C-alpha atoms as a PDB file:
ATOM      1  CA  UNK A   1      35.693 -24.147 -95.289  1.00  0.00           C
ATOM      2  CA  UNK A   2      38.245 -25.531 -92.853  1.00  0.00           C
ATOM      3  CA  UNK A   3      40.627 -23.113 -91.190  1.00  0.00           C
ATOM      4  CA  UNK A   4      44.400 -23.433 -91.697  1.00  0.00           C
ATOM      5  CA  UNK A   5      45.669 -25.290 -88.652  1.00  0.00           C
ATOM      6  CA  UNK A   6      48.399 -22.705 -88.128  1.00  0.00           C
ATOM      7  CA  UNK A   7      45.762 -20.091 -87.228  1.00  0.00           C
ATOM      8  CA  UNK A   8      44.288 -22.352 -84.543  1.00  0.00           C
ATOM      9  CA  UNK A   9      47.744 -22.876 -83.102  1.00  0.00           C
ATOM     10  CA  UNK A  10      48.378 -19.114 -83.063  1.00  0.00           C
ATOM     11  CA  UNK A  11      45.184 -18.446 -81.106  1.00  0.00           C
ATOM     12  CA  UNK A  12      45.981 -21.206 -78.604  1.00  0.00           C
ATOM     13  CA  UNK A  13      49.410 -19.754 -77.945  1.00  0.00           C
ATOM     14  CA  UNK A  14      47.873 -16.306 -77.372  1.00  0.00           C
ATOM     15  CA  UNK A  15      45.482 -17.894 -74.883  1.00  0.00           C
ATOM     16  CA  UNK A  16      48.136 -19.935 -73.108  1.00  0.00           C
ATOM     17  CA  UNK A  17      47.677 -23.435 -74.550  1.00  0.00           C
ATOM     18  CA  UNK A  18      50.678 -25.518 -75.603  1.00  0.00           C
ATOM     19  CA  UNK A  19      49.844 -27.549 -78.712  1.00  0.00           C
ATOM     20  CA  UNK A  20      51.509 -29.266 -81.637  1.00  0.00           C
ATOM     21  CA  UNK A  21      48.659 -29.689 -84.118  1.00  0.00           C
ATOM     22  CA  UNK A  22      45.036 -28.673 -83.724  1.00  0.00           C
ATOM     23  CA  UNK A  23      42.105 -29.966 -85.778  1.00  0.00           C
ATOM     24  CA  UNK A  24      39.015 -27.829 -86.383  1.00  0.00           C
ATOM     25  CA  UNK A  25      36.884 -29.976 -84.033  1.00  0.00           C
ATOM     26  CA  UNK A  26      39.400 -29.932 -81.189  1.00  0.00           C
ATOM     27  CA  UNK A  27      39.922 -26.195 -81.708  1.00  0.00           C
ATOM     28  CA  UNK A  28      36.306 -25.407 -80.842  1.00  0.00           C
ATOM     29  CA  UNK A  29      36.145 -28.034 -78.095  1.00  0.00           C
ATOM     30  CA  UNK A  30      39.233 -26.684 -76.389  1.00  0.00           C
ATOM     31  CA  UNK A  31      38.254 -23.056 -76.954  1.00  0.00           C
ATOM     32  CA  UNK A  32      35.052 -23.792 -74.981  1.00  0.00           C
ATOM     33  CA  UNK A  33      37.069 -25.608 -72.265  1.00  0.00           C
ATOM     34  CA  UNK A  34      34.680 -28.567 -72.186  1.00  0.00           C
ATOM     35  CA  UNK A  35      31.520 -26.478 -71.780  1.00  0.00           C
ATOM     36  CA  UNK A  36      29.510 -28.697 -74.148  1.00  0.00           C
ATOM     37  CA  UNK A  37      30.214 -31.831 -72.089  1.00  0.00           C
ATOM     38  CA  UNK A  38      28.930 -30.088 -68.973  1.00  0.00           C
ATOM     39  CA  UNK A  39      25.760 -28.745 -70.596  1.00  0.00           C
ATOM     40  CA  UNK A  40      24.934 -32.062 -72.285  1.00  0.00           C
ATOM     41  CA  UNK A  41      24.461 -33.657 -68.856  1.00  0.00           C
ATOM     42  CA  UNK A  42      21.655 -31.294 -67.866  1.00  0.00           C
ATOM     43  CA  UNK A  43      18.060 -32.444 -68.555  1.00  0.00           C
ATOM     44  CA  UNK A  44      17.062 -28.775 -68.926  1.00  0.00           C
ATOM     45  CA  UNK A  45      19.382 -28.197 -71.908  1.00  0.00           C
ATOM     46  CA  UNK A  46      18.661 -29.041 -75.543  1.00  0.00           C
ATOM     47  CA  UNK A  47      19.563 -27.996 -79.096  1.00  0.00           C
ATOM     48  CA  UNK A  48      23.239 -27.250 -78.511  1.00  0.00           C
ATOM     49  CA  UNK A  49      24.541 -25.502 -81.613  1.00  0.00           C
ATOM     50  CA  UNK A  50      27.889 -24.169 -82.793  1.00  0.00           C
ATOM     51  CA  UNK A  51      28.148 -21.940 -85.853  1.00  0.00           C
ATOM     52  CA  UNK A  52      31.535 -22.220 -87.524  1.00  0.00           C
ATOM     53  CA  UNK A  53      33.272 -19.318 -89.222  1.00  0.00           C
ATOM     54  CA  UNK A  54      36.363 -19.185 -91.402  1.00  0.00           C
ATOM     55  CA  UNK A  55      39.200 -17.042 -90.127  1.00  0.00           C
ATOM     56  CA  UNK A  56      40.244 -13.720 -91.629  1.00  0.00           C
ATOM     57  CA  UNK A  57      43.407 -12.915 -93.500  1.00  0.00           C
ATOM     58  CA  UNK A  58      45.792 -10.479 -91.836  1.00  0.00           C
ATOM     59  CA  UNK A  59      45.152  -7.978 -94.617  1.00  0.00           C
ATOM     60  CA  UNK A  60      41.413  -8.032 -93.791  1.00  0.00           C
ATOM     61  CA  UNK A  61      42.144  -7.318 -90.134  1.00  0.00           C
ATOM     62  CA  UNK A  62      44.564  -4.517 -90.990  1.00  0.00           C
ATOM     63  CA  UNK A  63      41.983  -2.991 -93.348  1.00  0.00           C
ATOM     64  CA  UNK A  64      39.376  -2.920 -90.560  1.00  0.00           C
ATOM     65  CA  UNK A  65      41.922  -1.354 -88.192  1.00  0.00           C
ATOM     66  CA  UNK A  66      42.878   1.277 -90.779  1.00  0.00           C
ATOM     67  CA  UNK A  67      39.239   2.151 -91.502  1.00  0.00           C
ATOM     68  CA  UNK A  68      38.478   2.577 -87.794  1.00  0.00           C
ATOM     69  CA  UNK A  69      41.730   4.287 -86.796  1.00  0.00           C
ATOM     70  CA  UNK A  70      42.654   1.845 -84.019  1.00  0.00           C
ATOM     71  CA  UNK A  71      44.773  -1.252 -83.455  1.00  0.00           C
ATOM     72  CA  UNK A  72      43.148  -4.438 -82.157  1.00  0.00           C
ATOM     73  CA  UNK A  73      44.820  -6.121 -79.174  1.00  0.00           C
ATOM     74  CA  UNK A  74      46.804  -9.267 -79.932  1.00  0.00           C
ATOM     75  CA  UNK A  75      44.237 -11.675 -78.466  1.00  0.00           C
ATOM     76  CA  UNK A  76      41.443 -10.292 -80.675  1.00  0.00           C
ATOM     77  CA  UNK A  77      43.672 -10.398 -83.743  1.00  0.00           C
ATOM     78  CA  UNK A  78      44.453 -14.041 -83.059  1.00  0.00           C
ATOM     79  CA  UNK A  79      40.756 -14.745 -82.459  1.00  0.00           C
ATOM     80  CA  UNK A  80      39.625 -13.220 -85.752  1.00  0.00           C
ATOM     81  CA  UNK A  81      42.495 -14.908 -87.595  1.00  0.00           C
ATOM     82  CA  UNK A  82      41.090 -18.243 -86.406  1.00  0.00           C
ATOM     83  CA  UNK A  83      37.339 -17.610 -86.549  1.00  0.00           C
ATOM     84  CA  UNK A  84      35.588 -14.535 -87.905  1.00  0.00           C
ATOM     85  CA  UNK A  85      32.939 -14.449 -85.208  1.00  0.00           C
ATOM     86  CA  UNK A  86      31.589 -16.950 -82.716  1.00  0.00           C
ATOM     87  CA  UNK A  87      28.131 -18.257 -81.885  1.00  0.00           C
ATOM     88  CA  UNK A  88      27.561 -21.129 -79.487  1.00  0.00           C
ATOM     89  CA  UNK A  89      23.974 -21.481 -78.300  1.00  0.00           C
ATOM     90  CA  UNK A  90      21.564 -23.807 -76.504  1.00  0.00           C
ATOM     91  CA  UNK A  91      17.949 -23.865 -75.327  1.00  0.00           C
ATOM     92  CA  UNK A  92      17.030 -23.931 -71.634  1.00  0.00           C
ATOM     93  CA  UNK A  93      13.570 -24.967 -70.430  1.00  0.00           C
ATOM     94  CA  UNK A  94      11.935 -26.187 -67.210  1.00  0.00           C
ATOM     95  CA  UNK A  95       9.311 -28.136 -69.220  1.00  0.00           C
ATOM     96  CA  UNK A  96      11.397 -31.223 -69.888  1.00  0.00           C
ATOM     97  CA  UNK A  97       8.482 -33.487 -70.835  1.00  0.00           C
ATOM     98  CA  UNK A  98       6.038 -31.102 -72.518  1.00  0.00           C
ATOM     99  CA  UNK A  99       7.648 -30.292 -75.868  1.00  0.00           C
ATOM    100  CA  UNK A 100       4.660 -28.280 -77.131  1.00  0.00           C
ATOM    101  CA  UNK A 101       4.482 -25.786 -74.252  1.00  0.00           C
ATOM    102  CA  UNK A 102       8.140 -25.218 -73.650  1.00  0.00           C
ATOM    103  CA  UNK A 103       9.080 -21.789 -72.290  1.00  0.00           C
ATOM    104  CA  UNK A 104      12.543 -21.542 -73.798  1.00  0.00           C
ATOM    105  CA  UNK A 105      15.413 -19.231 -72.888  1.00  0.00           C
ATOM    106  CA  UNK A 106      18.437 -19.228 -75.176  1.00  0.00           C
ATOM    107  CA  UNK A 107      21.882 -19.329 -73.652  1.00  0.00           C
ATOM    108  CA  UNK A 108      24.760 -18.281 -75.859  1.00  0.00           C
ATOM    109  CA  UNK A 109      28.323 -17.128 -76.244  1.00  0.00           C
ATOM    110  CA  UNK A 110      28.462 -14.709 -79.149  1.00  0.00           C
ATOM    111  CA  UNK A 111      31.011 -12.426 -80.806  1.00  0.00           C
ATOM    112  CA  UNK A 112      30.159 -10.548 -84.003  1.00  0.00           C
ATOM    113  CA  UNK A 113      32.130 -11.051 -87.228  1.00  0.00           C
ATOM    114  CA  UNK A 114      34.699  -8.277 -87.532  1.00  0.00           C
ATOM    115  CA  UNK A 115      32.811  -6.351 -90.226  1.00  0.00           C
ATOM    116  CA  UNK A 116      29.836  -6.229 -87.830  1.00  0.00           C
ATOM    117  CA  UNK A 117      31.945  -4.778 -85.024  1.00  0.00           C
ATOM    118  CA  UNK A 118      30.628  -1.284 -85.610  1.00  0.00           C
ATOM    119  CA  UNK A 119      31.428   1.973 -83.866  1.00  0.00           C
ATOM    120  CA  UNK A 120      28.617   3.355 -81.733  1.00  0.00           C
ATOM    121  CA  UNK A 121      27.904   6.941 -80.694  1.00  0.00           C
ATOM    122  CA  UNK A 122      25.552   8.894 -78.450  1.00  0.00           C
ATOM    123  CA  UNK A 123      27.263   8.488 -75.077  1.00  0.00           C
ATOM    124  CA  UNK A 124      28.235  11.462 -72.911  1.00  0.00           C
ATOM    125  CA  UNK A 125      31.754  12.824 -73.333  1.00  0.00           C
ATOM    126  CA  UNK A 126      33.940  15.132 -71.245  1.00  0.00           C
ATOM    127  CA  UNK A 127      37.261  16.890 -71.772  1.00  0.00           C
ATOM    128  CA  UNK A 128      39.356  14.106 -70.269  1.00  0.00           C
ATOM    129  CA  UNK A 129      38.779  10.366 -70.603  1.00  0.00           C
ATOM    130  CA  UNK A 130      39.515   8.143 -67.634  1.00  0.00           C
ATOM    131  CA  UNK A 131      38.442   5.096 -65.662  1.00  0.00           C
ATOM    132  CA  UNK A 132      37.681   6.059 -62.071  1.00  0.00           C
ATOM    133  CA  UNK A 133      37.455   3.739 -59.092  1.00  0.00           C
ATOM    134  CA  UNK A 134      34.294   4.548 -57.128  1.00  0.00           C
ATOM    135  CA  UNK A 135      34.118   2.277 -54.107  1.00  0.00           C
ATOM    136  CA  UNK A 136      34.224  -1.261 -55.501  1.00  0.00           C
ATOM    137  CA  UNK A 137      33.006  -0.166 -58.938  1.00  0.00           C
ATOM    138  CA  UNK A 138      34.654   1.335 -61.990  1.00  0.00           C
ATOM    139  CA  UNK A 139      33.227   4.441 -63.633  1.00  0.00           C
ATOM    140  CA  UNK A 140      33.999   5.122 -67.278  1.00  0.00           C
ATOM    141  CA  UNK A 141      34.441   8.712 -68.449  1.00  0.00           C
ATOM    142  CA  UNK A 142      34.885   9.168 -72.203  1.00  0.00           C
ATOM    143  CA  UNK A 143      36.118  12.078 -74.324  1.00  0.00           C
ATOM    144  CA  UNK A 144      35.733  13.034 -77.986  1.00  0.00           C
ATOM    145  CA  UNK A 145      38.890  10.992 -78.692  1.00  0.00           C
ATOM    146  CA  UNK A 146      37.391   7.806 -77.233  1.00  0.00           C
ATOM    147  CA  UNK A 147      36.005   5.053 -79.444  1.00  0.00           C
ATOM    148  CA  UNK A 148      33.381   2.408 -78.633  1.00  0.00           C
ATOM    149  CA  UNK A 149      32.623  -0.671 -80.758  1.00  0.00           C
ATOM    150  CA  UNK A 150      29.790  -3.171 -80.440  1.00  0.00           C
ATOM    151  CA  UNK A 151      30.997  -6.782 -80.070  1.00  0.00           C
ATOM    152  CA  UNK A 152      27.465  -8.202 -79.830  1.00  0.00           C
ATOM    153  CA  UNK A 153      23.978  -7.530 -78.517  1.00  0.00           C
ATOM    154  CA  UNK A 154      23.069  -8.896 -75.071  1.00  0.00           C
ATOM    155  CA  UNK A 155      19.338  -8.177 -75.335  1.00  0.00           C
ATOM    156  CA  UNK A 156      17.140  -5.284 -76.436  1.00  0.00           C
ATOM    157  CA  UNK A 157      18.462  -3.169 -73.548  1.00  0.00           C
ATOM    158  CA  UNK A 158      22.220  -3.718 -73.610  1.00  0.00           C
ATOM    159  CA  UNK A 159      25.282  -4.310 -75.793  1.00  0.00           C
ATOM    160  CA  UNK A 160      28.703  -5.787 -75.216  1.00  0.00           C
ATOM    161  CA  UNK A 161      31.251  -3.140 -76.220  1.00  0.00           C
ATOM    162  CA  UNK A 162      34.970  -2.731 -76.740  1.00  0.00           C
ATOM    163  CA  UNK A 163      36.089   0.639 -75.358  1.00  0.00           C
ATOM    164  CA  UNK A 164      39.162   2.624 -76.315  1.00  0.00           C
ATOM    165  CA  UNK A 165      39.791   5.504 -73.894  1.00  0.00           C
ATOM    166  CA  UNK A 166      41.836   7.025 -76.673  1.00  0.00           C
ATOM    167  CA  UNK A 167      43.279   5.842 -79.976  1.00  0.00           C
ATOM    168  CA  UNK A 168      46.414   4.399 -78.401  1.00  0.00           C
ATOM    169  CA  UNK A 169      45.049   2.861 -75.210  1.00  0.00           C
ATOM    170  CA  UNK A 170      44.492  -0.812 -74.518  1.00  0.00           C
ATOM    171  CA  UNK A 171      40.732  -1.501 -74.970  1.00  0.00           C
ATOM    172  CA  UNK A 172      38.563  -2.891 -72.188  1.00  0.00           C
ATOM    173  CA  UNK A 173      35.223  -4.751 -72.246  1.00  0.00           C
ATOM    174  CA  UNK A 174      32.019  -3.174 -70.900  1.00  0.00           C
ATOM    175  CA  UNK A 175      28.269  -3.716 -70.769  1.00  0.00           C
ATOM    176  CA  UNK A 176      26.586  -0.650 -72.325  1.00  0.00           C
ATOM    177  CA  UNK A 177      22.922  -0.277 -71.397  1.00  0.00           C
ATOM    178  CA  UNK A 178      20.038   1.572 -73.020  1.00  0.00           C
ATOM    179  CA  UNK A 179      20.311   4.174 -70.221  1.00  0.00           C
ATOM    180  CA  UNK A 180      23.823   5.003 -71.595  1.00  0.00           C
ATOM    181  CA  UNK A 181      25.621   3.543 -68.579  1.00  0.00           C
ATOM    182  CA  UNK A 182      28.866   1.584 -68.968  1.00  0.00           C
ATOM    183  CA  UNK A 183      29.409  -1.368 -66.618  1.00  0.00           C
ATOM    184  CA  UNK A 184      32.868  -2.939 -66.428  1.00  0.00           C
ATOM    185  CA  UNK A 185      33.126  -6.607 -67.426  1.00  0.00           C
ATOM    186  CA  UNK A 186      36.757  -7.424 -68.231  1.00  0.00           C
ATOM    187  CA  UNK A 187      40.168  -5.909 -68.759  1.00  0.00           C
ATOM    188  CA  UNK A 188      40.638  -7.710 -72.095  1.00  0.00           C
ATOM    189  CA  UNK A 189      38.869  -9.973 -74.580  1.00  0.00           C
ATOM    190  CA  UNK A 190      40.449 -13.210 -73.353  1.00  0.00           C
ATOM    191  CA  UNK A 191      39.275 -12.603 -69.794  1.00  0.00           C
ATOM    192  CA  UNK A 192      35.770 -11.807 -71.042  1.00  0.00           C
ATOM    193  CA  UNK A 193      35.616 -15.009 -73.102  1.00  0.00           C
ATOM    194  CA  UNK A 194      36.755 -16.988 -70.085  1.00  0.00           C
ATOM    195  CA  UNK A 195      33.986 -15.401 -68.012  1.00  0.00           C
ATOM    196  CA  UNK A 196      31.414 -16.369 -70.647  1.00  0.00           C
ATOM    197  CA  UNK A 197      32.444 -19.995 -70.194  1.00  0.00           C
ATOM    198  CA  UNK A 198      32.547 -19.751 -66.395  1.00  0.00           C
ATOM    199  CA  UNK A 199      28.960 -18.426 -66.496  1.00  0.00           C
ATOM    200  CA  UNK A 200      27.905 -21.213 -68.919  1.00  0.00           C
ATOM    201  CA  UNK A 201      26.682 -18.669 -71.453  1.00  0.00           C
ATOM    202  CA  UNK A 202      23.548 -18.268 -69.316  1.00  0.00           C
ATOM    203  CA  UNK A 203      21.407 -15.547 -70.928  1.00  0.00           C
ATOM    204  CA  UNK A 204      21.995 -12.026 -69.618  1.00  0.00           C
ATOM    205  CA  UNK A 205      24.696 -13.107 -67.133  1.00  0.00           C
ATOM    206  CA  UNK A 206      26.485  -9.841 -67.970  1.00  0.00           C
ATOM    207  CA  UNK A 207      23.867  -7.947 -65.929  1.00  0.00           C
ATOM    208  CA  UNK A 208      25.723  -9.159 -62.840  1.00  0.00           C
ATOM    209  CA  UNK A 209      27.954  -6.130 -63.429  1.00  0.00           C
ATOM    210  CA  UNK A 210      25.096  -3.626 -63.579  1.00  0.00           C
ATOM    211  CA  UNK A 211      23.134  -1.853 -60.868  1.00  0.00           C
ATOM    212  CA  UNK A 212      20.022  -3.493 -62.300  1.00  0.00           C
ATOM    213  CA  UNK A 213      21.405  -6.933 -61.494  1.00  0.00           C
ATOM    214  CA  UNK A 214      20.325 -10.286 -62.887  1.00  0.00           C
ATOM    215  CA  UNK A 215      16.696 -10.870 -63.857  1.00  0.00           C
ATOM    216  CA  UNK A 216      14.997 -13.287 -61.464  1.00  0.00           C
ATOM    217  CA  UNK A 217      14.549 -15.898 -64.177  1.00  0.00           C
ATOM    218  CA  UNK A 218      18.297 -15.800 -64.890  1.00  0.00           C
ATOM    219  CA  UNK A 219      19.047 -16.332 -61.178  1.00  0.00           C
ATOM    220  CA  UNK A 220      16.826 -19.421 -61.274  1.00  0.00           C
ATOM    221  CA  UNK A 221      18.773 -20.806 -64.241  1.00  0.00           C
ATOM    222  CA  UNK A 222      22.025 -20.266 -62.343  1.00  0.00           C
ATOM    223  CA  UNK A 223      20.631 -22.100 -59.315  1.00  0.00           C
ATOM    224  CA  UNK A 224      19.787 -25.087 -61.504  1.00  0.00           C
ATOM    225  CA  UNK A 225      22.852 -25.214 -63.748  1.00  0.00           C
ATOM    226  CA  UNK A 226      25.669 -23.654 -61.720  1.00  0.00           C
ATOM    227  CA  UNK A 227      24.666 -22.759 -58.149  1.00  0.00           C
ATOM    228  CA  UNK A 228      28.263 -22.045 -57.198  1.00  0.00           C
ATOM    229  CA  UNK A 229      28.951 -19.369 -59.772  1.00  0.00           C
ATOM    230  CA  UNK A 230      26.830 -16.616 -58.225  1.00  0.00           C
ATOM    231  CA  UNK A 231      28.139 -17.236 -54.714  1.00  0.00           C
ATOM    232  CA  UNK A 232      31.699 -17.151 -56.051  1.00  0.00           C
ATOM    233  CA  UNK A 233      31.115 -14.127 -58.297  1.00  0.00           C
ATOM    234  CA  UNK A 234      33.164 -11.863 -56.047  1.00  0.00           C
ATOM    235  CA  UNK A 235      36.180 -13.994 -56.924  1.00  0.00           C
ATOM    236  CA  UNK A 236      35.475 -13.876 -60.658  1.00  0.00           C
ATOM    237  CA  UNK A 237      35.494 -10.079 -60.918  1.00  0.00           C
ATOM    238  CA  UNK A 238      38.507  -8.168 -59.719  1.00  0.00           C
ATOM    239  CA  UNK A 239      38.952  -4.438 -60.213  1.00  0.00           C
ATOM    240  CA  UNK A 240      41.795  -4.169 -62.727  1.00  0.00           C
ATOM    241  CA  UNK A 241      44.649  -1.727 -62.688  1.00  0.00           C
ATOM    242  CA  UNK A 242      43.709   0.246 -65.795  1.00  0.00           C
ATOM    243  CA  UNK A 243      46.025   3.003 -66.970  1.00  0.00           C
ATOM    244  CA  UNK A 244      45.337   5.281 -69.900  1.00  0.00           C
ATOM    245  CA  UNK A 245      48.794   4.637 -71.374  1.00  0.00           C
ATOM    246  CA  UNK A 246      48.497   0.842 -71.334  1.00  0.00           C
ATOM    247  CA  UNK A 247      49.771  -0.890 -74.459  1.00  0.00           C
ATOM    248  CA  UNK A 248      48.243  -3.959 -76.057  1.00  0.00           C
ATOM    249  CA  UNK A 249      49.433  -6.585 -73.588  1.00  0.00           C
ATOM    250  CA  UNK A 250      47.694  -9.830 -72.684  1.00  0.00           C
ATOM    251  CA  UNK A 251      48.577 -12.150 -69.856  1.00  0.00           C
ATOM    252  CA  UNK A 252      48.252 -15.659 -71.350  1.00  0.00           C
ATOM    253  CA  UNK A 253      47.740 -17.101 -67.873  1.00  0.00           C
ATOM    254  CA  UNK A 254      44.124 -15.888 -67.870  1.00  0.00           C
ATOM    255  CA  UNK A 255      43.192 -18.739 -70.176  1.00  0.00           C
ATOM    256  CA  UNK A 256      45.331 -21.436 -68.560  1.00  0.00           C
ATOM    257  CA  UNK A 257      43.296 -24.590 -68.103  1.00  0.00           C
ATOM    258  CA  UNK A 258      43.987 -28.231 -68.688  1.00  0.00           C
ATOM    259  CA  UNK A 259      42.872 -29.059 -72.203  1.00  0.00           C
ATOM    260  CA  UNK A 260      42.337 -32.636 -71.045  1.00  0.00           C
ATOM    261  CA  UNK A 261      39.747 -31.580 -68.501  1.00  0.00           C
ATOM    262  CA  UNK A 262      36.181 -31.999 -69.670  1.00  0.00           C
ATOM    263  CA  UNK A 263      34.811 -29.599 -67.097  1.00  0.00           C
ATOM    264  CA  UNK A 264      37.447 -26.885 -66.853  1.00  0.00           C
ATOM    265  CA  UNK A 265      36.563 -23.674 -65.084  1.00  0.00           C
ATOM    266  CA  UNK A 266      32.902 -24.568 -64.631  1.00  0.00           C
ATOM    267  CA  UNK A 267      33.574 -27.604 -62.478  1.00  0.00           C
ATOM    268  CA  UNK A 268      36.146 -25.622 -60.508  1.00  0.00           C
ATOM    269  CA  UNK A 269      33.474 -23.060 -59.650  1.00  0.00           C
ATOM    270  CA  UNK A 270      31.018 -25.793 -58.682  1.00  0.00           C
ATOM    271  CA  UNK A 271      33.607 -27.549 -56.529  1.00  0.00           C
ATOM    272  CA  UNK A 272      34.422 -24.285 -54.790  1.00  0.00           C
ATOM    273  CA  UNK A 273      30.740 -23.705 -54.139  1.00  0.00           C
ATOM    274  CA  UNK A 274      30.305 -27.221 -52.738  1.00  0.00           C
ATOM    275  CA  UNK A 275      33.281 -26.718 -50.448  1.00  0.00           C
ATOM    276  CA  UNK A 276      31.789 -23.413 -49.259  1.00  0.00           C
ATOM    277  CA  UNK A 277      28.420 -25.040 -48.576  1.00  0.00           C
ATOM    278  CA  UNK A 278      30.090 -27.919 -46.714  1.00  0.00           C
ATOM    279  CA  UNK A 279      31.943 -25.429 -44.522  1.00  0.00           C
ATOM    280  CA  UNK A 280      28.718 -23.530 -43.836  1.00  0.00           C
ATOM    281  CA  UNK A 281      26.935 -26.777 -42.974  1.00  0.00           C
ATOM    282  CA  UNK A 282      29.692 -27.806 -40.547  1.00  0.00           C
ATOM    283  CA  UNK A 283      29.641 -24.357 -38.950  1.00  0.00           C
ATOM    284  CA  UNK A 284      25.845 -24.525 -38.566  1.00  0.00           C
ATOM    285  CA  UNK A 285      26.059 -27.964 -36.921  1.00  0.00           C
ATOM    286  CA  UNK A 286      28.830 -26.721 -34.634  1.00  0.00           C
ATOM    287  CA  UNK A 287      26.689 -23.755 -33.569  1.00  0.00           C
ATOM    288  CA  UNK A 288      23.726 -26.050 -32.911  1.00  0.00           C
ATOM    289  CA  UNK A 289      25.899 -28.276 -30.707  1.00  0.00           C
ATOM    290  CA  UNK A 290      27.129 -25.244 -28.782  1.00  0.00           C
ATOM    291  CA  UNK A 291      23.568 -23.978 -28.246  1.00  0.00           C
ATOM    292  CA  UNK A 292      22.421 -27.466 -27.225  1.00  0.00           C
ATOM    293  CA  UNK A 293      25.325 -27.773 -24.801  1.00  0.00           C
ATOM    294  CA  UNK A 294      24.498 -24.413 -23.189  1.00  0.00           C
ATOM    295  CA  UNK A 295      20.825 -25.357 -22.821  1.00  0.00           C
ATOM    296  CA  UNK A 296      21.762 -28.690 -21.233  1.00  0.00           C
ATOM    297  CA  UNK A 297      24.070 -27.014 -18.742  1.00  0.00           C
ATOM    298  CA  UNK A 298      21.409 -24.401 -17.934  1.00  0.00           C
ATOM    299  CA  UNK A 299      18.839 -27.150 -17.427  1.00  0.00           C
ATOM    300  CA  UNK A 300      21.190 -29.104 -15.126  1.00  0.00           C
ATOM    301  CA  UNK A 301      21.657 -26.061 -12.937  1.00  0.00           C
END
């Protein structure tokens, strides 16, 4: 069932795009910022798939909010009005030629349908909820008034969750692991979705935020598909200014990107990485020349 075009336009405006009319095909293409065109060029990628969902009516969204006692931020409301869930996936494998013995890893960008965004329990609570800055990390402390909802499963050991410090606070996005540790990922849904695209939906990329870190096999995929992303990761994650009394505000600039660009954020990251490597190479050559010059002078003496 095709979505009403007005809902696509609403979501684009929430995310910072300026559009007149948006078809269903261009909606998904632009929402992914050209990710498909980048992945299609890799010989290691196959079986790209996009599952399409119809959007929700406003009454359905309000019913979910009423049943859970919270208000969704504007970007998530616009998202669910346009598409009730999201699943973009692909297969990654080193064995390009041998189809029978392929060791496949599945990359994906996934958000549960709203009725599957369920509240989870079992985490430690204290008297006062807050987000503390500990060095360069953020530590989440929850209270009995806090609420946590699962947006999707990352793997058998972790979930992507939407966290409300209290009923009236602006929710933030965290990685919640089986050891009951929360790891900060993004200050809002739009920023998280942008990060998914910047990391190419590589499986388990969210573990970058955890003390466990990326699995070795995931690092290898990054080196093949997007070697610049890991080296630039420090620029992709900034500690936000989170206040308990924040209201539901989204900065549309976080999703600003030319809709005519087929590579978007991904190519920007790769270009930045290439520039960094070029600078390092020049510096290395300069150091070699200096060492060579000193040795020559020493030899002449």
